[in-house]
Amino acid sequence: SMLAHLHGVEYVPVRPAGTDAPAQLVGLLLLLFVRAPLLDAVEGVHAEVVKTGFHGLTGNKGAVAVRLSILGTSLCFVNVHLPAGRSAEAKEQRNAAMREVMRVLTLNFRLLSQSDLRAPIPPPMAHSACFCFG
């Protein structure tokens, strides 16, 4: 309702079919909205959660991703919570965690494409645009 108030247009949440909750990993949340008239143009919505904390066992670190196509353009949104710190070791842990996130997302997108006999879902960085933030 705040988006509608600010922009004068109704916005609706984008979620994978069969779900009514947004993509979430512990305190990490990813909310996507589109203008209501565009909702019918949104296809192939899929959400993934990647745990990287304690070698993938816990969700204290990791990522939440949502991919979709709209009007023929594929988009991937990746919200991450990675290890903190300024040391060289912390930087390497962060980079390793991000590589793991992208590796798992690529694998899961490929497996989803094969299991559902859908059009292939590209790896995150092969979408028309991939937004990584966090």
C-alpha atoms as a PDB file:
ATOM      1  CA  SER A   1       0.000   0.000   0.000  1.00  0.00           C
ATOM      2  CA  MET A   2       2.961   2.342   0.586  1.00  0.00           C
ATOM      3  CA  LEU A   3       4.207   1.767  -2.975  1.00  0.00           C
ATOM      4  CA  ALA A   4       0.734   2.521  -4.292  1.00  0.00           C
ATOM      5  CA  HIS A   5       0.600   5.656  -2.170  1.00  0.00           C
ATOM      6  CA  LEU A   6       4.013   6.843  -3.404  1.00  0.00           C
ATOM      7  CA  HIS A   7       3.629   5.913  -7.075  1.00  0.00           C
ATOM      8  CA  GLY A   8      -0.116   6.036  -7.647  1.00  0.00           C
ATOM      9  CA  VAL A   9      -0.102   2.483  -9.042  1.00  0.00           C
ATOM     10  CA  GLU A  10      -1.044  -0.799  -7.348  1.00  0.00           C
ATOM     11  CA  TYR A  11       1.831  -3.215  -6.699  1.00  0.00           C
ATOM     12  CA  VAL A  12       1.484  -6.923  -5.953  1.00  0.00           C
ATOM     13  CA  PRO A  13       3.973  -9.417  -4.480  1.00  0.00           C
ATOM     14  CA  VAL A  14       5.737 -11.888  -6.768  1.00  0.00           C
ATOM     15  CA  ARG A  15       6.019 -15.375  -5.305  1.00  0.00           C
ATOM     16  CA  PRO A  16       6.531 -18.888  -6.657  1.00  0.00           C
ATOM     17  CA  ALA A  17       3.331 -20.761  -7.494  1.00  0.00           C
ATOM     18  CA  GLY A  18       1.813 -22.506  -4.497  1.00  0.00           C
ATOM     19  CA  THR A  19       3.484 -20.324  -1.879  1.00  0.00           C
ATOM     20  CA  ASP A  20       2.132 -17.384   0.031  1.00  0.00           C
ATOM     21  CA  ALA A  21       5.290 -16.571   1.992  1.00  0.00           C
ATOM     22  CA  PRO A  22       8.306 -14.618   0.746  1.00  0.00           C
ATOM     23  CA  ALA A  23      11.729 -16.212   0.342  1.00  0.00           C
ATOM     24  CA  GLN A  24      13.446 -16.157   3.742  1.00  0.00           C
ATOM     25  CA  LEU A  25      16.523 -17.555   5.504  1.00  0.00           C
ATOM     26  CA  VAL A  26      16.531 -16.816   9.251  1.00  0.00           C
ATOM     27  CA  GLY A  27      16.747 -12.985   9.195  1.00  0.00           C
ATOM     28  CA  LEU A  28      17.357 -12.681   5.448  1.00  0.00           C
ATOM     29  CA  LEU A  29      14.266 -11.728   3.462  1.00  0.00           C
ATOM     30  CA  LEU A  30      13.666 -11.101  -0.233  1.00  0.00           C
ATOM     31  CA  LEU A  31      10.485  -9.327  -1.308  1.00  0.00           C
ATOM     32  CA  LEU A  32       9.680  -8.669  -4.962  1.00  0.00           C
ATOM     33  CA  PHE A  33       6.793  -6.565  -6.206  1.00  0.00           C
ATOM     34  CA  VAL A  34       5.529  -5.717  -9.690  1.00  0.00           C
ATOM     35  CA  ARG A  35       2.915  -3.312 -10.885  1.00  0.00           C
ATOM     36  CA  ALA A  36      -0.402  -5.160 -10.857  1.00  0.00           C
ATOM     37  CA  PRO A  37      -0.971  -4.910 -14.644  1.00  0.00           C
ATOM     38  CA  LEU A  38       2.351  -6.715 -15.238  1.00  0.00           C
ATOM     39  CA  LEU A  39       1.626  -9.700 -12.998  1.00  0.00           C
ATOM     40  CA  ASP A  40       0.270 -11.810 -15.883  1.00  0.00           C
ATOM     41  CA  ALA A  41       3.559 -11.241 -17.744  1.00  0.00           C
ATOM     42  CA  VAL A  42       5.611 -12.747 -14.907  1.00  0.00           C
ATOM     43  CA  GLU A  43       6.613 -16.377 -15.512  1.00  0.00           C
ATOM     44  CA  GLY A  44       8.950 -18.995 -14.115  1.00  0.00           C
ATOM     45  CA  VAL A  45       9.131 -17.631 -10.575  1.00  0.00           C
ATOM     46  CA  HIS A  46      11.375 -19.798  -8.445  1.00  0.00           C
ATOM     47  CA  ALA A  47      12.912 -19.174  -5.017  1.00  0.00           C
ATOM     48  CA  GLU A  48      15.991 -20.843  -3.530  1.00  0.00           C
ATOM     49  CA  VAL A  49      17.635 -20.727  -0.109  1.00  0.00           C
ATOM     50  CA  VAL A  50      21.357 -21.482   0.227  1.00  0.00           C
ATOM     51  CA  LYS A  51      22.842 -22.071   3.684  1.00  0.00           C
ATOM     52  CA  THR A  52      26.579 -21.449   4.000  1.00  0.00           C
ATOM     53  CA  GLY A  53      26.982 -21.140   7.787  1.00  0.00           C
ATOM     54  CA  PHE A  54      28.963 -23.916   9.490  1.00  0.00           C
ATOM     55  CA  HIS A  55      29.683 -25.653   6.170  1.00  0.00           C
ATOM     56  CA  GLY A  56      26.114 -25.388   4.909  1.00  0.00           C
ATOM     57  CA  LEU A  57      24.485 -26.807   8.024  1.00  0.00           C
ATOM     58  CA  THR A  58      22.942 -23.642   9.443  1.00  0.00           C
ATOM     59  CA  GLY A  59      21.199 -20.606   8.067  1.00  0.00           C
ATOM     60  CA  ASN A  60      23.090 -17.961   9.998  1.00  0.00           C
ATOM     61  CA  LYS A  61      24.904 -17.115   6.731  1.00  0.00           C
ATOM     62  CA  GLY A  62      23.869 -17.711   3.153  1.00  0.00           C
ATOM     63  CA  ALA A  63      21.554 -16.403   0.492  1.00  0.00           C
ATOM     64  CA  VAL A  64      17.986 -16.142  -0.661  1.00  0.00           C
ATOM     65  CA  ALA A  65      17.384 -15.956  -4.408  1.00  0.00           C
ATOM     66  CA  VAL A  66      14.363 -15.429  -6.614  1.00  0.00           C
ATOM     67  CA  ARG A  67      14.448 -15.786 -10.378  1.00  0.00           C
ATOM     68  CA  LEU A  68      11.724 -14.952 -12.876  1.00  0.00           C
ATOM     69  CA  SER A  69      11.024 -13.919 -16.442  1.00  0.00           C
ATOM     70  CA  ILE A  70       8.995 -10.861 -17.313  1.00  0.00           C
ATOM     71  CA  LEU A  71       8.103  -9.979 -20.888  1.00  0.00           C
ATOM     72  CA  GLY A  72      10.862 -12.305 -22.123  1.00  0.00           C
ATOM     73  CA  THR A  73      13.578 -10.889 -19.873  1.00  0.00           C
ATOM     74  CA  SER A  74      15.066 -13.222 -17.252  1.00  0.00           C
ATOM     75  CA  LEU A  75      15.937 -11.677 -13.896  1.00  0.00           C
ATOM     76  CA  CYS A  76      17.676 -13.141 -10.867  1.00  0.00           C
ATOM     77  CA  PHE A  77      17.816 -11.457  -7.450  1.00  0.00           C
ATOM     78  CA  VAL A  78      20.267 -12.775  -4.843  1.00  0.00           C
ATOM     79  CA  ASN A  79      20.227 -11.400  -1.301  1.00  0.00           C
ATOM     80  CA  VAL A  80      23.235 -12.544   0.733  1.00  0.00           C
ATOM     81  CA  HIS A  81      24.474 -12.460   4.313  1.00  0.00           C
ATOM     82  CA  LEU A  82      28.153 -13.354   4.220  1.00  0.00           C
ATOM     83  CA  PRO A  83      30.973 -13.532   6.788  1.00  0.00           C
ATOM     84  CA  ALA A  84      32.099 -10.112   8.004  1.00  0.00           C
ATOM     85  CA  GLY A  85      35.534  -8.700   8.737  1.00  0.00           C
ATOM     86  CA  ARG A  86      38.367  -6.738   7.172  1.00  0.00           C
ATOM     87  CA  SER A  87      41.194  -9.269   7.370  1.00  0.00           C
ATOM     88  CA  ALA A  88      42.475 -11.152   4.341  1.00  0.00           C
ATOM     89  CA  GLU A  89      41.084 -14.345   5.871  1.00  0.00           C
ATOM     90  CA  ALA A  90      37.620 -12.792   6.272  1.00  0.00           C
ATOM     91  CA  LYS A  91      37.721 -11.570   2.678  1.00  0.00           C
ATOM     92  CA  GLU A  92      38.567 -15.075   1.458  1.00  0.00           C
ATOM     93  CA  GLN A  93      35.749 -16.556   3.583  1.00  0.00           C
ATOM     94  CA  ARG A  94      33.331 -14.043   2.023  1.00  0.00           C
ATOM     95  CA  ASN A  95      34.515 -14.808  -1.493  1.00  0.00           C
ATOM     96  CA  ALA A  96      34.323 -18.556  -0.853  1.00  0.00           C
ATOM     97  CA  ALA A  97      30.788 -18.200   0.532  1.00  0.00           C
ATOM     98  CA  MET A  98      29.698 -16.211  -2.539  1.00  0.00           C
ATOM     99  CA  ARG A  99      31.223 -18.801  -4.869  1.00  0.00           C
ATOM    100  CA  GLU A 100      29.324 -21.501  -2.950  1.00  0.00           C
ATOM    101  CA  VAL A 101      26.064 -19.561  -3.223  1.00  0.00           C
ATOM    102  CA  MET A 102      26.453 -19.229  -7.002  1.00  0.00           C
ATOM    103  CA  ARG A 103      27.510 -22.883  -7.355  1.00  0.00           C
ATOM    104  CA  VAL A 104      24.472 -24.153  -5.437  1.00  0.00           C
ATOM    105  CA  LEU A 105      22.074 -21.836  -7.265  1.00  0.00           C
ATOM    106  CA  THR A 106      23.463 -22.948 -10.632  1.00  0.00           C
ATOM    107  CA  LEU A 107      23.080 -26.612  -9.671  1.00  0.00           C
ATOM    108  CA  ASN A 108      19.566 -26.164  -8.257  1.00  0.00           C
ATOM    109  CA  PHE A 109      18.376 -24.199 -11.307  1.00  0.00           C
ATOM    110  CA  ARG A 110      19.726 -26.955 -13.575  1.00  0.00           C
ATOM    111  CA  LEU A 111      18.070 -29.702 -11.501  1.00  0.00           C
ATOM    112  CA  LEU A 112      14.766 -27.825 -11.474  1.00  0.00           C
ATOM    113  CA  SER A 113      14.874 -27.487 -15.260  1.00  0.00           C
ATOM    114  CA  GLN A 114      15.449 -31.226 -15.651  1.00  0.00           C
ATOM    115  CA  SER A 115      12.878 -32.377 -13.103  1.00  0.00           C
ATOM    116  CA  ASP A 116       9.990 -30.206 -14.277  1.00  0.00           C
ATOM    117  CA  LEU A 117      10.710 -30.494 -17.998  1.00  0.00           C
ATOM    118  CA  ARG A 118      10.517 -26.716 -18.229  1.00  0.00           C
ATOM    119  CA  ALA A 119      12.500 -24.435 -20.424  1.00  0.00           C
ATOM    120  CA  PRO A 120      16.056 -24.430 -19.082  1.00  0.00           C
ATOM    121  CA  ILE A 121      16.698 -22.016 -16.230  1.00  0.00           C
ATOM    122  CA  PRO A 122      20.030 -20.295 -16.757  1.00  0.00           C
ATOM    123  CA  PRO A 123      22.641 -19.983 -14.011  1.00  0.00           C
ATOM    124  CA  PRO A 124      22.271 -16.776 -11.986  1.00  0.00           C
ATOM    125  CA  MET A 125      24.882 -14.786 -13.900  1.00  0.00           C
ATOM    126  CA  ALA A 126      23.507 -15.919 -17.287  1.00  0.00           C
ATOM    127  CA  HIS A 127      20.129 -14.243 -16.737  1.00  0.00           C
ATOM    128  CA  SER A 128      19.445 -11.029 -18.653  1.00  0.00           C
ATOM    129  CA  ALA A 129      20.272  -9.292 -15.355  1.00  0.00           C
ATOM    130  CA  CYS A 130      21.407 -10.630 -11.995  1.00  0.00           C
ATOM    131  CA  PHE A 131      21.225  -8.370  -8.939  1.00  0.00           C
ATOM    132  CA  CYS A 132      23.350  -9.394  -5.962  1.00  0.00           C
ATOM    133  CA  PHE A 133      22.973  -7.428  -2.752  1.00  0.00           C
ATOM    134  CA  GLY A 134      23.255  -7.784   0.975  1.00  0.00           C
END
